[in-house]
Each structure stands twice: as C-alpha cells, then as structure tokens.
Amino acid sequence: MVTLEEVYNEVVLIRKILTNRWKIIGNQLIIYDDDGETVLLKFDLKDKDGNPTETNVYERVPTS
C-alpha cells in the first residue's frame, strides 16, 4: 500500500524535474534539490547496446 508521504515525495521529485533542476553531465542524469547543488538522484544513461550515452538514451540505471 502506498502512503500519502510516498506520493508527496514523488510529486516533489517530479516538480523538480519539470522545473529544470537536472543536468546531464558525463553520461549521467543528475537531479538536484531546490538549492541547485544538493544531488537527489543520479542515473547512468545507456543506449540500446548498453554503452554510455548522452543522446538516444534507452536505459537509466540508478547510481549511488
């Protein structure tokens, strides 16, 4: 069962993505907090063959 807090956190993350609080740097999609410096999430971007890419992204792999 999904809690209200989980839904809220997802909505906040979506708002940050839609308000351009993200960058693609070195084949990684990086999502930032409102301060523009604190990293919330990072994803390695890969093409269909599993190679790192910044264009024609087929897969996003979460990183730590």
Protein backbone atom coordinates (compact mmCIF):
# COMPACT_ATOMS: atom_id res chain seq x y z
CA MET A 1 0.00 0.00 0.00
CA VAL A 2 1.30 3.44 -0.94
CA THR A 3 1.35 6.06 1.80
CA LEU A 4 0.47 9.71 1.38
CA GLU A 5 4.07 10.63 2.24
CA GLU A 6 5.41 8.45 -0.61
CA VAL A 7 3.02 10.10 -3.07
CA TYR A 8 4.06 13.55 -1.85
CA ASN A 9 7.76 12.71 -2.25
CA GLU A 10 7.17 11.54 -5.84
CA VAL A 11 5.23 14.73 -6.66
CA VAL A 12 8.04 16.87 -5.23
CA LEU A 13 10.61 14.97 -7.32
CA ILE A 14 8.52 15.38 -10.48
CA ARG A 15 8.20 19.12 -9.80
CA LYS A 16 11.97 19.43 -9.52
CA ILE A 17 12.47 17.59 -12.79
CA LEU A 18 9.87 19.73 -14.58
CA THR A 19 11.40 22.96 -13.24
CA ASN A 20 14.78 22.18 -14.82
CA ARG A 21 16.55 21.08 -11.66
CA TRP A 22 18.52 18.47 -13.57
CA LYS A 23 21.62 18.24 -15.76
CA ILE A 24 23.24 15.65 -17.96
CA ILE A 25 26.96 15.54 -17.18
CA GLY A 26 29.33 12.81 -18.33
CA ASN A 27 26.63 10.32 -19.37
CA GLN A 28 24.76 10.83 -16.07
CA LEU A 29 21.38 12.39 -15.43
CA ILE A 30 21.67 14.30 -12.14
CA ILE A 31 18.59 15.64 -10.33
CA TYR A 32 19.23 18.47 -7.84
CA ASP A 33 17.35 19.80 -4.82
CA ASP A 34 15.95 23.35 -4.76
CA ASP A 35 19.33 24.82 -3.82
CA GLY A 36 20.74 23.65 -7.18
CA GLU A 37 23.73 21.97 -5.52
CA THR A 38 22.47 19.06 -3.43
CA VAL A 39 22.19 15.90 -5.56
CA LEU A 40 18.96 13.94 -5.02
CA LEU A 41 19.34 11.20 -7.65
CA LYS A 42 21.85 10.11 -10.27
CA PHE A 43 21.30 7.81 -13.23
CA ASP A 44 23.83 6.35 -15.67
CA LEU A 45 22.48 6.80 -19.19
CA LYS A 46 22.90 3.93 -21.67
CA ASP A 47 21.94 3.26 -25.28
CA LYS A 48 20.27 0.09 -26.61
CA ASP A 49 23.59 -1.76 -26.62
CA GLY A 50 24.38 -0.82 -23.00
CA ASN A 51 27.05 1.73 -23.89
CA PRO A 52 27.21 5.07 -22.01
CA THR A 53 25.45 7.85 -23.94
CA GLU A 54 24.03 11.35 -23.59
CA THR A 55 21.77 11.00 -26.63
CA ASN A 56 19.39 8.26 -27.78
CA VAL A 57 19.00 7.09 -24.17
CA TYR A 58 17.40 3.68 -23.88
CA GLU A 59 18.01 2.89 -20.23
CA ARG A 60 18.55 4.82 -16.96
CA VAL A 61 20.45 2.93 -14.29
CA PRO A 62 20.29 4.36 -10.74
CA THR A 63 23.68 5.03 -9.16
CA SER A 64 24.63 5.64 -5.58
